[in-house]
């Protein structure tokens, strides 16, 4: 077997395991660990967005926390106060964070460096 074939086999096996993880974890681990893993994935997504904007673009933004929070509040309000199930309240969270991004983006679109960070803190 060539090196390339081994690499491809390992990659395919890894992809299959990653695809099967959401269905296997609830059976292998308890519900507590499923909640912990979900929380880790949520915060990892936030960290990846900060890394993308600050690491590659060089803009320090506190907007991720703002949009993240608005999305969470949208889901929470949809479930607790409006009596929606998960998916409609998930859509409400997306709409809430997009609306806040539209409002803050109107003011922040032409700013750079320190001014961009300051205007995103203003909205937080």
N, C-alpha and C. Protein backbone atom coordinates (compact mmCIF):
# COMPACT_ATOMS: atom_id res chain seq x y z
N UNK A 1 0.84 -1.18 0.00
CA UNK A 1 0.00 0.00 0.00
C UNK A 1 0.88 1.25 0.00
N UNK A 2 0.52 2.18 -0.83
CA UNK A 2 1.33 3.40 -0.91
C UNK A 2 0.95 4.36 0.21
N UNK A 3 1.79 5.31 0.40
CA UNK A 3 1.55 6.33 1.44
C UNK A 3 0.26 7.09 1.17
N UNK A 4 0.00 7.38 -0.08
CA UNK A 4 -1.20 8.13 -0.45
C UNK A 4 -2.48 7.32 -0.15
N UNK A 5 -2.43 6.03 -0.41
CA UNK A 5 -3.58 5.17 -0.12
C UNK A 5 -3.83 5.08 1.38
N UNK A 6 -2.76 4.99 2.16
CA UNK A 6 -2.91 4.96 3.61
C UNK A 6 -3.50 6.27 4.12
N UNK A 7 -3.00 7.38 3.61
CA UNK A 7 -3.53 8.68 4.02
C UNK A 7 -5.01 8.81 3.68
N UNK A 8 -5.37 8.34 2.50
CA UNK A 8 -6.78 8.41 2.08
C UNK A 8 -7.65 7.53 2.96
N UNK A 9 -7.16 6.34 3.30
CA UNK A 9 -7.92 5.42 4.16
C UNK A 9 -8.11 6.01 5.55
N UNK A 10 -7.06 6.60 6.09
CA UNK A 10 -7.17 7.23 7.40
C UNK A 10 -8.13 8.41 7.36
N UNK A 11 -8.08 9.19 6.31
CA UNK A 11 -8.99 10.33 6.17
C UNK A 11 -10.44 9.88 6.06
N UNK A 12 -10.70 8.84 5.29
CA UNK A 12 -12.07 8.32 5.15
C UNK A 12 -12.56 7.75 6.48
N UNK A 13 -11.71 7.03 7.19
CA UNK A 13 -12.09 6.47 8.49
C UNK A 13 -12.39 7.59 9.49
N UNK A 14 -11.57 8.61 9.49
CA UNK A 14 -11.79 9.75 10.39
C UNK A 14 -13.10 10.45 10.06
N UNK A 15 -13.37 10.65 8.77
CA UNK A 15 -14.62 11.30 8.36
C UNK A 15 -15.83 10.47 8.78
N UNK A 16 -15.76 9.16 8.63
CA UNK A 16 -16.87 8.30 9.03
C UNK A 16 -17.11 8.33 10.54
N UNK A 17 -16.03 8.34 11.31
CA UNK A 17 -16.17 8.44 12.76
C UNK A 17 -16.77 9.78 13.15
N UNK A 18 -16.33 10.87 12.53
CA UNK A 18 -16.87 12.19 12.86
C UNK A 18 -18.35 12.32 12.48
N UNK A 19 -18.74 11.68 11.39
CA UNK A 19 -20.15 11.70 11.00
C UNK A 19 -20.99 10.88 11.97
N UNK A 20 -20.43 9.79 12.50
CA UNK A 20 -21.18 8.92 13.41
C UNK A 20 -21.22 9.43 14.85
N UNK A 21 -20.35 10.37 15.20
CA UNK A 21 -20.26 10.83 16.59
C UNK A 21 -21.58 11.36 17.16
N UNK A 22 -22.34 12.20 16.45
CA UNK A 22 -23.59 12.70 17.05
C UNK A 22 -24.58 11.59 17.40
N UNK A 23 -24.54 10.47 16.69
CA UNK A 23 -25.46 9.39 17.00
C UNK A 23 -24.88 8.43 18.04
N UNK A 24 -23.56 8.35 18.14
CA UNK A 24 -22.94 7.41 19.07
C UNK A 24 -22.77 7.96 20.48
N UNK A 25 -22.48 9.24 20.60
CA UNK A 25 -22.18 9.83 21.91
C UNK A 25 -23.34 9.68 22.91
N UNK A 26 -24.59 9.91 22.53
CA UNK A 26 -25.66 9.73 23.52
C UNK A 26 -25.77 8.31 24.06
N UNK A 27 -25.39 7.31 23.26
CA UNK A 27 -25.45 5.93 23.73
C UNK A 27 -24.24 5.54 24.56
N UNK A 28 -23.09 6.09 24.23
CA UNK A 28 -21.85 5.73 24.92
C UNK A 28 -21.70 6.52 26.22
N UNK A 29 -21.98 7.82 26.18
CA UNK A 29 -21.84 8.68 27.34
C UNK A 29 -23.21 9.07 27.87
N UNK A 30 -23.25 9.62 29.06
CA UNK A 30 -24.50 10.05 29.66
C UNK A 30 -24.94 11.39 29.10
N UNK A 31 -26.14 11.81 29.49
CA UNK A 31 -26.68 13.07 28.99
C UNK A 31 -25.87 14.27 29.48
N UNK A 32 -25.24 14.14 30.64
CA UNK A 32 -24.39 15.23 31.14
C UNK A 32 -23.26 15.51 30.16
N UNK A 33 -22.60 14.47 29.67
CA UNK A 33 -21.47 14.66 28.78
C UNK A 33 -21.91 15.14 27.41
N UNK A 34 -23.10 14.78 27.00
CA UNK A 34 -23.62 15.32 25.74
C UNK A 34 -23.80 16.83 25.88
N UNK A 35 -24.30 17.29 27.02
CA UNK A 35 -24.45 18.73 27.26
C UNK A 35 -23.10 19.43 27.30
N UNK A 36 -22.13 18.80 27.93
CA UNK A 36 -20.79 19.39 28.01
C UNK A 36 -20.17 19.50 26.62
N UNK A 37 -20.29 18.47 25.80
CA UNK A 37 -19.73 18.49 24.46
C UNK A 37 -20.43 19.55 23.61
N UNK A 38 -21.75 19.67 23.74
CA UNK A 38 -22.48 20.69 23.00
C UNK A 38 -22.03 22.09 23.41
N UNK A 39 -21.82 22.31 24.69
CA UNK A 39 -21.35 23.61 25.18
C UNK A 39 -19.95 23.92 24.63
N UNK A 40 -19.10 22.93 24.62
CA UNK A 40 -17.74 23.11 24.07
C UNK A 40 -17.81 23.49 22.60
N UNK A 41 -18.67 22.84 21.84
CA UNK A 41 -18.79 23.15 20.42
C UNK A 41 -19.34 24.55 20.18
N UNK A 42 -20.29 24.97 21.00
CA UNK A 42 -20.85 26.32 20.87
C UNK A 42 -19.78 27.38 21.11
N UNK A 43 -19.03 27.23 22.20
CA UNK A 43 -18.00 28.22 22.50
C UNK A 43 -16.83 28.14 21.53
N UNK A 44 -16.57 26.96 20.97
CA UNK A 44 -15.53 26.84 19.95
C UNK A 44 -15.90 27.60 18.69
N UNK A 45 -17.17 27.60 18.34
CA UNK A 45 -17.63 28.36 17.19
C UNK A 45 -17.42 29.86 17.41
N UNK A 46 -17.71 30.33 18.61
CA UNK A 46 -17.46 31.75 18.93
C UNK A 46 -15.97 32.07 18.85
N UNK A 47 -15.14 31.19 19.39
CA UNK A 47 -13.68 31.43 19.34
C UNK A 47 -13.17 31.41 17.91
N UNK A 48 -13.70 30.54 17.07
CA UNK A 48 -13.28 30.49 15.68
C UNK A 48 -13.66 31.78 14.94
N UNK A 49 -14.82 32.34 15.26
CA UNK A 49 -15.20 33.59 14.59
C UNK A 49 -14.31 34.75 15.03
N UNK A 50 -13.94 34.77 16.29
CA UNK A 50 -13.02 35.81 16.77
C UNK A 50 -11.65 35.64 16.11
N UNK A 51 -11.19 34.40 16.00
CA UNK A 51 -9.91 34.14 15.35
C UNK A 51 -9.93 34.56 13.89
N UNK A 52 -11.02 34.31 13.21
CA UNK A 52 -11.12 34.67 11.80
C UNK A 52 -11.04 36.19 11.62
N UNK A 53 -11.79 36.93 12.43
CA UNK A 53 -11.81 38.38 12.24
C UNK A 53 -10.54 39.05 12.77
N UNK A 54 -10.09 38.68 13.95
CA UNK A 54 -8.92 39.35 14.52
C UNK A 54 -7.61 38.78 13.98
N UNK A 55 -7.56 37.47 13.79
CA UNK A 55 -6.32 36.85 13.35
C UNK A 55 -6.00 37.10 11.89
N UNK A 56 -6.99 36.99 11.04
CA UNK A 56 -6.73 37.12 9.61
C UNK A 56 -6.99 38.52 9.07
N UNK A 57 -8.00 39.20 9.59
CA UNK A 57 -8.33 40.53 9.08
C UNK A 57 -7.65 41.62 9.90
N UNK A 58 -7.42 41.36 11.18
CA UNK A 58 -6.75 42.33 12.03
C UNK A 58 -7.69 43.33 12.68
N UNK A 59 -8.99 43.07 12.65
CA UNK A 59 -9.95 43.97 13.29
C UNK A 59 -10.41 43.37 14.61
N UNK A 60 -10.19 44.11 15.68
CA UNK A 60 -10.68 43.68 16.99
C UNK A 60 -12.14 44.06 17.10
N UNK A 61 -12.99 43.06 17.21
CA UNK A 61 -14.42 43.31 17.25
C UNK A 61 -15.03 42.62 18.46
N UNK A 62 -15.90 43.32 19.12
CA UNK A 62 -16.67 42.74 20.20
C UNK A 62 -18.07 42.39 19.71
N UNK A 63 -18.28 42.52 18.42
CA UNK A 63 -19.57 42.25 17.82
C UNK A 63 -19.97 40.79 17.88
N UNK A 64 -18.98 39.87 17.85
CA UNK A 64 -19.33 38.46 17.93
C UNK A 64 -20.10 38.17 19.21
N UNK A 65 -19.65 38.73 20.31
CA UNK A 65 -20.36 38.53 21.58
C UNK A 65 -21.75 39.12 21.51
N UNK A 66 -21.89 40.26 20.85
CA UNK A 66 -23.19 40.91 20.71
C UNK A 66 -24.14 40.05 19.90
N UNK A 67 -23.70 39.56 18.75
CA UNK A 67 -24.57 38.75 17.90
C UNK A 67 -24.84 37.39 18.52
N UNK A 68 -23.84 36.85 19.17
CA UNK A 68 -23.99 35.57 19.88
C UNK A 68 -25.04 35.71 20.97
N UNK A 69 -24.96 36.79 21.74
CA UNK A 69 -25.93 37.03 22.81
C UNK A 69 -27.33 37.28 22.28
N UNK A 70 -27.45 38.04 21.21
CA UNK A 70 -28.77 38.29 20.63
C UNK A 70 -29.38 37.01 20.10
N UNK A 71 -28.58 36.15 19.50
CA UNK A 71 -29.08 34.86 19.05
C UNK A 71 -29.56 34.00 20.19
N UNK A 72 -28.80 33.99 21.29
CA UNK A 72 -29.20 33.22 22.46
C UNK A 72 -30.48 33.76 23.08
N UNK A 73 -30.57 35.09 23.18
CA UNK A 73 -31.79 35.69 23.71
C UNK A 73 -32.99 35.40 22.81
N UNK A 74 -32.79 35.44 21.50
CA UNK A 74 -33.88 35.12 20.58
C UNK A 74 -34.40 33.71 20.79
N UNK A 75 -33.49 32.75 20.94
CA UNK A 75 -33.89 31.37 21.17
C UNK A 75 -34.58 31.25 22.53
N UNK A 76 -34.00 31.88 23.55
CA UNK A 76 -34.59 31.81 24.89
C UNK A 76 -35.97 32.43 24.97
N UNK A 77 -36.15 33.58 24.35
CA UNK A 77 -37.46 34.24 24.35
C UNK A 77 -38.46 33.43 23.55
N UNK A 78 -38.01 32.88 22.43
CA UNK A 78 -38.91 32.05 21.63
C UNK A 78 -39.42 30.83 22.38
N UNK A 79 -38.55 30.18 23.15
CA UNK A 79 -38.95 28.99 23.89
C UNK A 79 -39.73 29.35 25.15
N UNK A 80 -39.21 30.29 25.95
CA UNK A 80 -39.81 30.58 27.25
C UNK A 80 -41.08 31.42 27.17
N UNK A 81 -41.08 32.45 26.36
CA UNK A 81 -42.20 33.39 26.37
C UNK A 81 -43.19 33.21 25.22
N UNK A 82 -42.71 32.79 24.07
CA UNK A 82 -43.60 32.64 22.92
C UNK A 82 -44.12 31.22 22.74
N UNK A 83 -43.55 30.28 23.49
CA UNK A 83 -44.02 28.90 23.43
C UNK A 83 -43.68 28.18 22.15
N UNK A 84 -42.62 28.61 21.47
CA UNK A 84 -42.21 27.96 20.23
C UNK A 84 -41.39 26.72 20.52
N UNK A 85 -41.34 25.82 19.57
CA UNK A 85 -40.44 24.68 19.71
C UNK A 85 -39.03 25.12 19.33
N UNK A 86 -38.10 24.17 19.29
CA UNK A 86 -36.71 24.56 19.10
C UNK A 86 -36.44 25.22 17.76
N UNK A 87 -36.86 24.60 16.66
CA UNK A 87 -36.48 25.11 15.35
C UNK A 87 -37.07 26.48 15.04
N UNK A 88 -38.34 26.75 15.34
CA UNK A 88 -38.81 28.13 15.12
C UNK A 88 -38.10 29.15 16.01
N UNK A 89 -37.81 28.77 17.24
CA UNK A 89 -37.09 29.71 18.10
C UNK A 89 -35.63 29.86 17.66
N UNK A 90 -35.06 28.82 17.07
CA UNK A 90 -33.73 28.92 16.49
C UNK A 90 -33.73 29.93 15.34
N UNK A 91 -34.77 29.86 14.51
CA UNK A 91 -34.93 30.84 13.44
C UNK A 91 -35.11 32.24 13.99
N UNK A 92 -35.85 32.38 15.08
CA UNK A 92 -36.03 33.68 15.73
C UNK A 92 -34.69 34.22 16.25
N UNK A 93 -33.85 33.35 16.79
CA UNK A 93 -32.52 33.76 17.24
C UNK A 93 -31.66 34.25 16.09
N UNK A 94 -31.74 33.58 14.96
CA UNK A 94 -30.99 34.01 13.77
C UNK A 94 -31.49 35.36 13.29
N UNK A 95 -32.81 35.53 13.25
CA UNK A 95 -33.38 36.81 12.82
C UNK A 95 -32.97 37.92 13.77
N UNK A 96 -32.98 37.66 15.08
CA UNK A 96 -32.60 38.68 16.06
C UNK A 96 -31.14 39.08 15.90
N UNK A 97 -30.24 38.12 15.71
CA UNK A 97 -28.83 38.47 15.57
C UNK A 97 -28.55 39.16 14.23
N UNK A 98 -29.26 38.78 13.18
CA UNK A 98 -29.09 39.45 11.89
C UNK A 98 -29.59 40.89 11.97
N UNK A 99 -30.71 41.10 12.66
CA UNK A 99 -31.24 42.46 12.82
C UNK A 99 -30.26 43.33 13.60
N UNK A 100 -29.66 42.79 14.65
CA UNK A 100 -28.68 43.56 15.41
C UNK A 100 -27.43 43.81 14.59
N UNK A 101 -27.02 42.84 13.78
CA UNK A 101 -25.86 43.04 12.90
C UNK A 101 -26.13 44.13 11.88
N UNK A 102 -27.36 44.20 11.40
CA UNK A 102 -27.73 45.24 10.44
C UNK A 102 -27.63 46.61 11.10
N UNK A 103 -28.16 46.74 12.31
CA UNK A 103 -28.13 48.02 13.01
C UNK A 103 -26.70 48.44 13.33
N UNK A 104 -25.91 47.54 13.90
CA UNK A 104 -24.54 47.90 14.25
C UNK A 104 -23.65 48.04 13.01
N UNK A 105 -23.95 47.28 11.96
CA UNK A 105 -23.15 47.36 10.75
C UNK A 105 -23.30 48.68 10.02
N UNK A 106 -24.47 49.31 10.14
CA UNK A 106 -24.67 50.61 9.52
C UNK A 106 -23.66 51.62 10.05
N UNK A 107 -23.36 51.54 11.34
CA UNK A 107 -22.43 52.49 11.95
C UNK A 107 -20.97 52.05 11.83
N UNK A 108 -20.71 50.76 11.74
CA UNK A 108 -19.34 50.28 11.80
C UNK A 108 -18.72 49.97 10.45
N UNK A 109 -19.45 50.09 9.37
CA UNK A 109 -18.98 49.60 8.08
C UNK A 109 -17.75 50.35 7.55
N UNK A 110 -17.63 51.60 7.85
CA UNK A 110 -16.50 52.38 7.31
C UNK A 110 -15.37 52.62 8.31
N UNK A 111 -15.48 52.06 9.49
CA UNK A 111 -14.47 52.30 10.51
C UNK A 111 -13.39 51.22 10.48
N UNK A 112 -12.21 51.59 10.92
CA UNK A 112 -11.10 50.63 10.99
C UNK A 112 -10.41 50.77 12.33
N UNK A 113 -9.60 49.79 12.63
CA UNK A 113 -8.72 49.69 13.77
C UNK A 113 -9.37 50.06 15.09
N UNK A 114 -8.91 51.06 15.81
CA UNK A 114 -9.42 51.36 17.15
C UNK A 114 -10.88 51.82 17.10
N UNK A 115 -11.22 52.55 16.09
CA UNK A 115 -12.59 53.06 15.98
C UNK A 115 -13.60 51.93 15.80
N UNK A 116 -13.19 50.92 15.05
CA UNK A 116 -14.05 49.76 14.86
C UNK A 116 -14.29 49.04 16.18
N UNK A 117 -13.24 48.86 16.96
CA UNK A 117 -13.39 48.20 18.27
C UNK A 117 -14.27 49.03 19.19
N UNK A 118 -14.09 50.34 19.17
CA UNK A 118 -14.88 51.22 20.05
C UNK A 118 -16.35 51.17 19.68
N UNK A 119 -16.68 51.22 18.41
CA UNK A 119 -18.10 51.22 18.02
C UNK A 119 -18.75 49.86 18.34
N UNK A 120 -18.00 48.77 18.26
CA UNK A 120 -18.58 47.49 18.62
C UNK A 120 -18.77 47.35 20.13
N UNK A 121 -17.90 48.00 20.91
CA UNK A 121 -18.10 48.03 22.37
C UNK A 121 -19.31 48.86 22.72
N UNK A 122 -19.55 49.94 21.99
CA UNK A 122 -20.70 50.79 22.25
C UNK A 122 -22.00 50.00 22.16
N UNK A 123 -22.08 49.11 21.18
CA UNK A 123 -23.30 48.33 21.03
C UNK A 123 -23.42 47.19 22.04
N UNK A 124 -22.29 46.75 22.59
CA UNK A 124 -22.36 45.69 23.60
C UNK A 124 -22.86 46.26 24.89
